[in-house]
Amino acid sequence: QVQLVESGGGLVQPGGSLKLSCAASGIISKVRIMGWYRQAPGNQRELVASLISGPITHYSDSVKGRFTIFRDNGKNTVYLQMNNLTPEDTAVYYCNFGTWSFHNYWGQGTQVTVSS
């Protein structure tokens, strides 16, 4: 059974940084796309950043220039480096893996709170 385990969330002051990690456990077929989503209270889940085999990256306009998605080469682990955080970045962050065999996996979510 495949599980995505996230870590790295927490409380940070505005302007601070956090690095989120997401590692897959279990046997997983080749990953096609890795992504980070977030969901704030009362809002829909939104895509923050994605990385496609290549690697090709995509960022939402709200985080472009501040967040970086990257992976461990050869490992099913993806990271999200978040810099210059603002209170608007407060949300539960979820990682997502999509495989070439069309399986889709989600992490359990990690809370990120930006507050002074």
C-alpha atoms as a PDB file:
ATOM      1  CA  GLN A   1       0.000   0.000   0.000  1.00  0.00           C
ATOM      2  CA  VAL A   2       1.430   3.350  -1.021  1.00  0.00           C
ATOM      3  CA  GLN A   3       1.481   6.207   1.459  1.00  0.00           C
ATOM      4  CA  LEU A   4       2.744   9.743   1.081  1.00  0.00           C
ATOM      5  CA  VAL A   5       4.228  11.082   4.295  1.00  0.00           C
ATOM      6  CA  GLU A   6       4.619  14.825   4.640  1.00  0.00           C
ATOM      7  CA  SER A   7       6.693  16.783   7.104  1.00  0.00           C
ATOM      8  CA  GLY A   8       8.073  20.257   7.669  1.00  0.00           C
ATOM      9  CA  GLY A   9       4.986  22.317   8.430  1.00  0.00           C
ATOM     10  CA  GLY A  10       4.699  24.603  11.421  1.00  0.00           C
ATOM     11  CA  LEU A  11       4.403  28.155  12.649  1.00  0.00           C
ATOM     12  CA  VAL A  12       6.603  30.817  11.109  1.00  0.00           C
ATOM     13  CA  GLN A  13       6.701  34.596  11.196  1.00  0.00           C
ATOM     14  CA  PRO A  14       5.973  36.662   8.094  1.00  0.00           C
ATOM     15  CA  GLY A  15       9.046  36.806   5.915  1.00  0.00           C
ATOM     16  CA  GLY A  16      10.274  33.478   7.193  1.00  0.00           C
ATOM     17  CA  SER A  17      10.923  30.200   5.412  1.00  0.00           C
ATOM     18  CA  LEU A  18       9.840  26.590   5.655  1.00  0.00           C
ATOM     19  CA  LYS A  19      10.737  23.475   3.715  1.00  0.00           C
ATOM     20  CA  LEU A  20       8.104  20.811   3.241  1.00  0.00           C
ATOM     21  CA  SER A  21       8.978  17.205   2.406  1.00  0.00           C
ATOM     22  CA  CYS A  22       6.867  14.416   0.997  1.00  0.00           C
ATOM     23  CA  ALA A  23       8.136  10.858   0.723  1.00  0.00           C
ATOM     24  CA  ALA A  24       6.367   7.851  -0.733  1.00  0.00           C
ATOM     25  CA  SER A  25       6.468   4.569   1.142  1.00  0.00           C
ATOM     26  CA  GLY A  26       5.541   1.270  -0.420  1.00  0.00           C
ATOM     27  CA  ILE A  27       5.924   0.114  -3.956  1.00  0.00           C
ATOM     28  CA  ILE A  28       4.931   2.790  -6.395  1.00  0.00           C
ATOM     29  CA  SER A  29       5.081   2.683 -10.158  1.00  0.00           C
ATOM     30  CA  LYS A  30       6.976   5.381 -12.019  1.00  0.00           C
ATOM     31  CA  VAL A  31       5.843   8.836 -10.989  1.00  0.00           C
ATOM     32  CA  ARG A  32       4.797  11.158 -13.776  1.00  0.00           C
ATOM     33  CA  ILE A  33       3.921  14.273 -11.831  1.00  0.00           C
ATOM     34  CA  MET A  34       4.471  15.543  -8.298  1.00  0.00           C
ATOM     35  CA  GLY A  35       2.539  18.435  -6.892  1.00  0.00           C
ATOM     36  CA  TRP A  36       1.886  20.521  -3.831  1.00  0.00           C
ATOM     37  CA  TYR A  37      -1.603  21.810  -3.109  1.00  0.00           C
ATOM     38  CA  ARG A  38      -2.947  23.896  -0.276  1.00  0.00           C
ATOM     39  CA  GLN A  39      -6.306  24.514   1.278  1.00  0.00           C
ATOM     40  CA  ALA A  40      -7.144  27.405   3.562  1.00  0.00           C
ATOM     41  CA  PRO A  41     -10.321  27.406   5.704  1.00  0.00           C
ATOM     42  CA  GLY A  42     -13.354  28.165   3.556  1.00  0.00           C
ATOM     43  CA  ASN A  43     -11.374  27.871   0.329  1.00  0.00           C
ATOM     44  CA  GLN A  44     -11.031  25.212  -2.304  1.00  0.00           C
ATOM     45  CA  ARG A  45      -7.864  23.198  -2.575  1.00  0.00           C
ATOM     46  CA  GLU A  46      -5.531  24.887  -5.038  1.00  0.00           C
ATOM     47  CA  LEU A  47      -2.424  23.817  -6.893  1.00  0.00           C
ATOM     48  CA  VAL A  48       0.656  25.628  -5.641  1.00  0.00           C
ATOM     49  CA  ALA A  49       3.460  23.976  -7.581  1.00  0.00           C
ATOM     50  CA  SER A  50       4.029  20.939  -9.747  1.00  0.00           C
ATOM     51  CA  LEU A  51       6.957  19.087 -11.203  1.00  0.00           C
ATOM     52  CA  ILE A  52       6.761  16.840 -14.252  1.00  0.00           C
ATOM     53  CA  SER A  53       9.405  14.365 -15.340  1.00  0.00           C
ATOM     54  CA  GLY A  54      11.940  16.411 -17.231  1.00  0.00           C
ATOM     55  CA  PRO A  55      11.889  18.302 -14.934  1.00  0.00           C
ATOM     56  CA  ILE A  56       9.321  20.883 -15.844  1.00  0.00           C
ATOM     57  CA  THR A  57       7.942  23.027 -13.066  1.00  0.00           C
ATOM     58  CA  HIS A  58       4.833  25.123 -12.735  1.00  0.00           C
ATOM     59  CA  TYR A  59       3.888  27.615 -10.038  1.00  0.00           C
ATOM     60  CA  SER A  60       0.750  29.500  -9.186  1.00  0.00           C
ATOM     61  CA  ASP A  61       1.081  33.249  -9.603  1.00  0.00           C
ATOM     62  CA  SER A  62       0.693  33.760  -5.864  1.00  0.00           C
ATOM     63  CA  VAL A  63       3.887  31.851  -5.035  1.00  0.00           C
ATOM     64  CA  LYS A  64       6.017  32.371  -8.128  1.00  0.00           C
ATOM     65  CA  GLY A  65       9.462  33.628  -7.182  1.00  0.00           C
ATOM     66  CA  ARG A  66       9.038  32.617  -3.530  1.00  0.00           C
ATOM     67  CA  PHE A  67       8.449  28.852  -3.628  1.00  0.00           C
ATOM     68  CA  THR A  68      10.578  26.168  -5.266  1.00  0.00           C
ATOM     69  CA  ILE A  69       9.557  22.576  -5.921  1.00  0.00           C
ATOM     70  CA  PHE A  70      12.281  19.974  -6.398  1.00  0.00           C
ATOM     71  CA  ARG A  71      12.850  16.274  -5.936  1.00  0.00           C
ATOM     72  CA  ASP A  72      15.550  13.864  -4.914  1.00  0.00           C
ATOM     73  CA  ASN A  73      16.894  12.335  -8.114  1.00  0.00           C
ATOM     74  CA  GLY A  74      15.968   8.691  -8.236  1.00  0.00           C
ATOM     75  CA  LYS A  75      13.825   8.879  -5.118  1.00  0.00           C
ATOM     76  CA  ASN A  76      10.120   9.333  -4.734  1.00  0.00           C
ATOM     77  CA  THR A  77      10.553  12.378  -2.545  1.00  0.00           C
ATOM     78  CA  VAL A  78       9.470  15.889  -3.347  1.00  0.00           C
ATOM     79  CA  TYR A  79      10.177  19.112  -1.512  1.00  0.00           C
ATOM     80  CA  LEU A  80       8.680  22.562  -1.392  1.00  0.00           C
ATOM     81  CA  GLN A  81      11.003  25.339  -0.292  1.00  0.00           C
ATOM     82  CA  MET A  82       8.898  28.296   0.790  1.00  0.00           C
ATOM     83  CA  ASN A  83      10.538  31.678   1.291  1.00  0.00           C
ATOM     84  CA  ASN A  84       9.247  35.121   2.196  1.00  0.00           C
ATOM     85  CA  LEU A  85       6.077  33.648   3.632  1.00  0.00           C
ATOM     86  CA  THR A  86       3.032  35.827   4.215  1.00  0.00           C
ATOM     87  CA  PRO A  87      -0.128  35.260   6.278  1.00  0.00           C
ATOM     88  CA  GLU A  88      -1.928  34.520   2.996  1.00  0.00           C
ATOM     89  CA  ASP A  89       0.181  31.367   2.700  1.00  0.00           C
ATOM     90  CA  THR A  90      -1.450  29.928   5.823  1.00  0.00           C
ATOM     91  CA  ALA A  91      -3.129  26.666   4.869  1.00  0.00           C
ATOM     92  CA  VAL A  92      -2.931  22.905   5.050  1.00  0.00           C
ATOM     93  CA  TYR A  93      -0.458  21.755   2.404  1.00  0.00           C
ATOM     94  CA  TYR A  94      -0.906  18.433   0.614  1.00  0.00           C
ATOM     95  CA  CYS A  95       1.413  16.588  -1.710  1.00  0.00           C
ATOM     96  CA  ASN A  96       0.154  14.592  -4.629  1.00  0.00           C
ATOM     97  CA  PHE A  97       1.798  12.003  -6.873  1.00  0.00           C
ATOM     98  CA  GLY A  98       0.426  10.882 -10.201  1.00  0.00           C
ATOM     99  CA  THR A  99       1.911   7.851 -11.897  1.00  0.00           C
ATOM    100  CA  TRP A 100       2.217   6.783 -15.515  1.00  0.00           C
ATOM    101  CA  SER A 101      -0.192   3.957 -14.673  1.00  0.00           C
ATOM    102  CA  PHE A 102      -2.779   6.593 -13.706  1.00  0.00           C
ATOM    103  CA  HIS A 103      -2.674   6.042  -9.967  1.00  0.00           C
ATOM    104  CA  ASN A 104      -3.151   9.137  -7.854  1.00  0.00           C
ATOM    105  CA  TYR A 105      -1.936   9.487  -4.271  1.00  0.00           C
ATOM    106  CA  TRP A 106      -2.367  12.169  -1.611  1.00  0.00           C
ATOM    107  CA  GLY A 107      -0.503  12.948   1.551  1.00  0.00           C
ATOM    108  CA  GLN A 108      -2.302  13.504   4.839  1.00  0.00           C
ATOM    109  CA  GLY A 109      -1.601  17.236   4.884  1.00  0.00           C
ATOM    110  CA  THR A 110       0.668  19.421   6.973  1.00  0.00           C
ATOM    111  CA  GLN A 111      -0.345  22.710   8.554  1.00  0.00           C
ATOM    112  CA  VAL A 112       1.561  25.856   7.688  1.00  0.00           C
ATOM    113  CA  THR A 113       0.736  28.922   9.746  1.00  0.00           C
ATOM    114  CA  VAL A 114       2.306  32.303   9.044  1.00  0.00           C
ATOM    115  CA  SER A 115       1.715  34.711  11.879  1.00  0.00           C
ATOM    116  CA  SER A 116       3.526  37.193  14.061  1.00  0.00           C
END
